Protein backbone atom coordinates (compact mmCIF):
# COMPACT_ATOMS: atom_id res chain seq x y z
CA UNK A 1 -24.93 14.85 -48.71
CA UNK A 2 -23.98 11.58 -50.48
CA UNK A 3 -26.24 9.22 -52.36
CA UNK A 4 -29.65 8.28 -50.96
CA UNK A 5 -29.64 5.78 -48.13
CA UNK A 6 -26.08 6.58 -47.12
CA UNK A 7 -25.70 8.10 -43.69
CA UNK A 8 -22.67 9.38 -41.94
CA UNK A 9 -22.24 9.86 -38.21
CA UNK A 10 -20.09 12.81 -37.25
CA UNK A 11 -18.87 13.31 -33.71
CA UNK A 12 -17.18 16.47 -32.48
CA UNK A 13 -14.33 15.80 -30.09
CA UNK A 14 -14.10 18.21 -27.16
CA UNK A 15 -10.94 20.19 -26.38
CA UNK A 16 -8.13 18.12 -24.87
CA UNK A 17 -5.33 19.28 -22.65
CA UNK A 18 -2.84 16.60 -23.74
CA UNK A 19 -1.93 15.08 -27.12
CA UNK A 20 -3.73 11.82 -27.79
CA UNK A 21 -3.84 9.25 -30.56
CA UNK A 22 -6.31 6.67 -31.70
CA UNK A 23 -5.56 3.51 -33.69
CA UNK A 24 -8.25 2.70 -36.21
CA UNK A 25 -7.97 -0.48 -38.30
CA UNK A 26 -4.19 -0.49 -37.97
CA UNK A 27 -3.68 3.22 -38.73
CA UNK A 28 -2.56 5.69 -36.07
CA UNK A 29 -4.86 8.74 -36.11
CA UNK A 30 -3.76 11.87 -34.20
CA UNK A 31 -6.59 13.36 -32.15
CA UNK A 32 -6.35 17.15 -32.11
CA UNK A 33 -8.58 19.56 -30.15
CA UNK A 34 -11.98 19.90 -31.78
CA UNK A 35 -11.07 17.17 -34.29
CA UNK A 36 -13.87 15.49 -36.18
CA UNK A 37 -13.95 11.72 -36.70
CA UNK A 38 -16.29 10.21 -39.27
CA UNK A 39 -17.35 6.59 -39.42
CA UNK A 40 -20.07 4.67 -41.21
CA UNK A 41 -23.05 3.85 -39.02
CA UNK A 42 -22.76 0.23 -40.07
CA UNK A 43 -19.42 -0.04 -38.28
CA UNK A 44 -20.62 1.39 -34.95
CA UNK A 45 -22.63 -1.66 -33.80
CA UNK A 46 -20.86 -4.12 -31.56
CA UNK A 47 -17.41 -2.60 -31.94
CA UNK A 48 -14.41 -3.39 -29.76
CA UNK A 49 -12.82 -0.19 -28.45
CA UNK A 50 -9.65 -0.06 -26.40
CA UNK A 51 -8.34 2.31 -23.75
CA UNK A 52 -4.62 2.46 -22.95
CA UNK A 53 -3.19 4.48 -20.07
CA UNK A 54 0.25 4.89 -18.55
CA UNK A 55 1.26 7.30 -15.80
CA UNK A 56 5.01 7.74 -16.28
CA UNK A 57 7.35 8.45 -19.17
CA UNK A 58 9.17 5.20 -18.42
CA UNK A 59 6.05 3.21 -19.30
CA UNK A 60 5.21 2.42 -22.91
CA UNK A 61 1.73 3.34 -24.03
CA UNK A 62 2.58 1.90 -27.45
CA UNK A 63 2.94 -1.57 -25.89
CA UNK A 64 -0.55 -1.33 -24.41
CA UNK A 65 -1.98 -0.14 -27.72
CA UNK A 66 -0.38 -3.13 -29.47
CA UNK A 67 -1.86 -5.52 -26.88
CA UNK A 68 -5.32 -4.03 -27.28
CA UNK A 69 -5.15 -4.20 -31.08
CA UNK A 70 -4.04 -7.84 -30.88
CA UNK A 71 -7.08 -8.48 -28.66
CA UNK A 72 -9.39 -7.19 -31.40
CA UNK A 73 -9.71 -3.48 -30.65
CA UNK A 74 -10.43 -1.59 -33.86
CA UNK A 75 -10.25 1.82 -32.22
CA UNK A 76 -7.84 2.54 -29.35
CA UNK A 77 -7.70 5.69 -27.23
CA UNK A 78 -4.49 6.32 -25.32
CA UNK A 79 -3.25 8.75 -22.71
CA UNK A 80 -0.21 9.35 -20.55
CA UNK A 81 -1.48 10.91 -17.34
CA UNK A 82 -0.95 10.72 -13.59
CA UNK A 83 -3.09 8.28 -11.62
CA UNK A 84 -3.87 11.17 -9.25
CA UNK A 85 -5.86 12.98 -11.93
CA UNK A 86 -9.63 12.95 -11.50
CA UNK A 87 -11.85 11.41 -14.16
CA UNK A 88 -12.81 14.83 -15.52
CA UNK A 89 -9.11 15.61 -16.07
CA UNK A 90 -8.51 12.51 -18.21
CA UNK A 91 -9.19 13.53 -21.84
CA UNK A 92 -8.39 10.08 -23.20
CA UNK A 93 -10.91 8.39 -20.90
CA UNK A 94 -13.53 11.05 -21.61
CA UNK A 95 -13.10 10.68 -25.38
CA UNK A 96 -13.34 6.90 -25.08
CA UNK A 97 -16.50 7.05 -22.98
CA UNK A 98 -18.05 9.50 -25.44
CA UNK A 99 -17.34 7.10 -28.29
CA UNK A 100 -18.85 3.99 -26.68
CA UNK A 101 -22.36 2.94 -27.67
CA UNK A 102 -24.72 0.19 -26.45
CA UNK A 103 -23.46 -3.16 -27.71
CA UNK A 104 -19.82 -2.02 -27.87
CA UNK A 105 -17.07 -3.73 -25.91
CA UNK A 106 -14.46 -1.76 -23.97
CA UNK A 107 -11.20 -3.66 -23.69
CA UNK A 108 -8.47 -2.61 -21.25
CA UNK A 109 -5.32 -4.26 -19.95
CA UNK A 110 -6.41 -4.07 -16.30
CA UNK A 111 -9.39 -2.71 -14.37
CA UNK A 112 -7.32 0.06 -12.77
CA UNK A 113 -7.31 1.85 -16.15
CA UNK A 114 -10.89 2.93 -15.38
CA UNK A 115 -10.28 4.88 -12.17
CA UNK A 116 -8.05 5.93 -9.28
CA UNK A 117 -9.77 3.88 -6.59
CA UNK A 118 -11.66 0.62 -6.32
CA UNK A 119 -14.87 2.58 -5.76
CA UNK A 120 -14.36 4.65 -8.93
CA UNK A 121 -13.65 1.53 -10.97
CA UNK A 122 -16.73 -0.33 -9.74
CA UNK A 123 -18.99 2.69 -10.22
CA UNK A 124 -17.70 3.01 -13.78
CA UNK A 125 -18.36 -0.70 -14.38
CA UNK A 126 -21.92 -0.32 -13.08
CA UNK A 127 -22.54 2.69 -15.34
CA UNK A 128 -21.21 0.87 -18.42
CA UNK A 129 -23.32 -2.17 -17.57
CA UNK A 130 -26.44 0.02 -17.36
CA UNK A 131 -25.56 1.51 -20.77
CA UNK A 132 -25.30 -1.93 -22.35
CA UNK A 133 -21.54 -1.68 -22.85
CA UNK A 134 -19.38 -4.76 -22.24
CA UNK A 135 -16.01 -4.65 -20.48
CA UNK A 136 -13.12 -7.07 -20.97
CA UNK A 137 -9.70 -7.03 -19.32
CA UNK A 138 -6.67 -8.64 -20.90
CA UNK A 139 -5.52 -10.07 -17.57
CA UNK A 140 -8.59 -12.32 -17.59
CA UNK A 141 -10.17 -10.84 -14.48
CA UNK A 142 -13.40 -9.70 -16.12
CA UNK A 143 -15.36 -10.30 -19.31
CA UNK A 144 -18.95 -9.12 -18.95
CA UNK A 145 -19.81 -10.18 -22.49
CA UNK A 146 -18.64 -13.70 -21.76
CA UNK A 147 -20.66 -13.72 -18.55
CA UNK A 148 -23.86 -13.20 -20.51
CA UNK A 149 -26.91 -12.89 -18.25
CA UNK A 150 -24.69 -13.27 -15.20
CA UNK A 151 -22.92 -9.94 -15.94
CA UNK A 152 -25.43 -7.68 -14.09
CA UNK A 153 -25.28 -10.01 -11.08
CA UNK A 154 -21.46 -9.96 -10.97
CA UNK A 155 -21.24 -6.17 -11.39
CA UNK A 156 -23.97 -5.73 -8.77
CA UNK A 157 -22.05 -7.98 -6.39
CA UNK A 158 -18.88 -5.94 -6.92
CA UNK A 159 -20.83 -2.74 -6.24
CA UNK A 160 -22.25 -4.20 -3.04
CA UNK A 161 -18.81 -5.32 -1.88
CA UNK A 162 -17.45 -1.82 -2.51
CA UNK A 163 -20.22 -0.35 -0.36
CA UNK A 164 -19.51 -2.86 2.40
CA UNK A 165 -15.80 -2.02 2.31
CA UNK A 166 -16.56 1.70 2.45
CA UNK A 167 -18.83 1.22 5.48
CA UNK A 168 -16.22 -0.92 7.24
CA UNK A 169 -13.52 1.70 6.64
CA UNK A 170 -15.77 4.42 8.07
CA UNK A 171 -16.65 2.23 11.06
CA UNK A 172 -12.98 1.42 11.77
CA UNK A 173 -12.02 5.08 11.45
CA UNK A 174 -14.71 6.22 13.90
CA UNK A 175 -13.81 3.43 16.34
CA UNK A 176 -10.15 4.44 16.21
CA UNK A 177 -10.99 8.10 16.87
CA UNK A 178 -13.20 7.19 19.83
CA UNK A 179 -10.48 4.93 21.28
CA UNK A 180 -7.80 7.63 20.98
CA UNK A 181 -10.14 10.22 22.45
CA UNK A 182 -10.93 7.97 25.39
CA UNK A 183 -7.29 7.09 26.05
CA UNK A 184 -5.85 10.55 25.43
CA UNK A 185 -4.17 9.51 22.20
CA UNK A 186 -3.26 11.73 19.29
CA UNK A 187 -6.26 12.56 17.10
CA UNK A 188 -4.13 13.82 14.27
CA UNK A 189 -3.85 17.33 12.94
CA UNK A 190 -1.08 19.78 13.74
CA UNK A 191 1.01 18.73 16.76
CA UNK A 192 0.80 20.89 19.90
CA UNK A 193 3.54 23.48 20.33
CA UNK A 194 3.37 23.40 24.15
CA UNK A 195 3.47 20.94 27.01
CA UNK A 196 0.71 20.25 29.55
CA UNK A 197 2.81 22.00 32.20
CA UNK A 198 3.12 25.14 30.04
CA UNK A 199 -0.63 25.17 29.43
CA UNK A 200 -1.39 24.90 33.15
CA UNK A 201 1.16 27.60 34.01
CA UNK A 202 -0.08 30.13 31.47
CA UNK A 203 -3.69 29.59 32.57
CA UNK A 204 -2.72 30.12 36.20
CA UNK A 205 -0.80 33.32 35.40
CA UNK A 206 -3.68 34.70 33.39
CA UNK A 207 -6.13 33.82 36.16
CA UNK A 208 -3.91 35.79 38.59
CA UNK A 209 -4.30 38.87 36.39
CA UNK A 210 -1.06 38.78 34.40
CA UNK A 211 -1.30 40.14 30.83
CA UNK A 212 -1.22 37.77 27.86
CA UNK A 213 2.11 39.18 26.69
CA UNK A 214 3.72 38.74 30.13
CA UNK A 215 2.31 35.22 30.57
CA UNK A 216 3.61 34.27 27.12
CA UNK A 217 7.12 35.55 27.94
CA UNK A 218 7.11 33.79 31.31
CA UNK A 219 6.16 30.42 29.80
CA UNK A 220 8.06 30.69 26.52
CA UNK A 221 4.92 30.53 24.41
CA UNK A 222 3.70 32.81 21.67
CA UNK A 223 1.06 35.38 22.54
CA UNK A 224 -1.37 33.67 20.16
CA UNK A 225 -0.98 30.34 21.95
CA UNK A 226 -1.21 31.95 25.39
CA UNK A 227 -4.38 33.79 24.39
CA UNK A 228 -5.93 30.59 22.98
CA UNK A 229 -5.14 28.68 26.16
CA UNK A 230 -6.64 31.48 28.22
CA UNK A 231 -9.88 31.30 26.23
CA UNK A 232 -10.09 27.53 26.56
CA UNK A 233 -9.85 27.83 30.33
CA UNK A 234 -12.73 30.33 30.48
């Protein structure tokens, strides 16, 4: 231990599946699996931490890192990962979230850096708000620190709108299914491999005592389909 009154905060980074870097006070720090980062406790209050993400090799993560540093981020986590990856499969995001503390500010270029869908993004915003962590986007869309006491209201409103949208989508989906069912429309799934005439013919042949194999040959259907049609008529 050092001299009396001096404390150090040590955080163990969990294993990562992809190489990542962090930029701390202008220096690029490689983040290796199980790496240990040490910082003075005095520097952990009210920090500005950035998260950069790109999904293709053609995109420049370095450009995002530079933008975030210019916006005041003293520590920047970056990752190059597909937007289809779930939150648990994003090591850069997980490391960033593990680093954030109450009073910190998370700065990102756009809100979509926080999740794959609008619902994921808003849920993440709500969680960060509850933890006392501010969020600022460089496109000017959101700055919860600047909103002050209005921040919980705005995030709550966004959460409510997401729930309304989800309910409307479910309602429209169910209404569409009911309409197609009532009008004989396609309900999705694998398309039928037989016509209505074939179905009626195979059912009639089976009802007359013909074997499944013979009925299938006579109608040009597979035995599996002929058998299934026979059961549905029972």
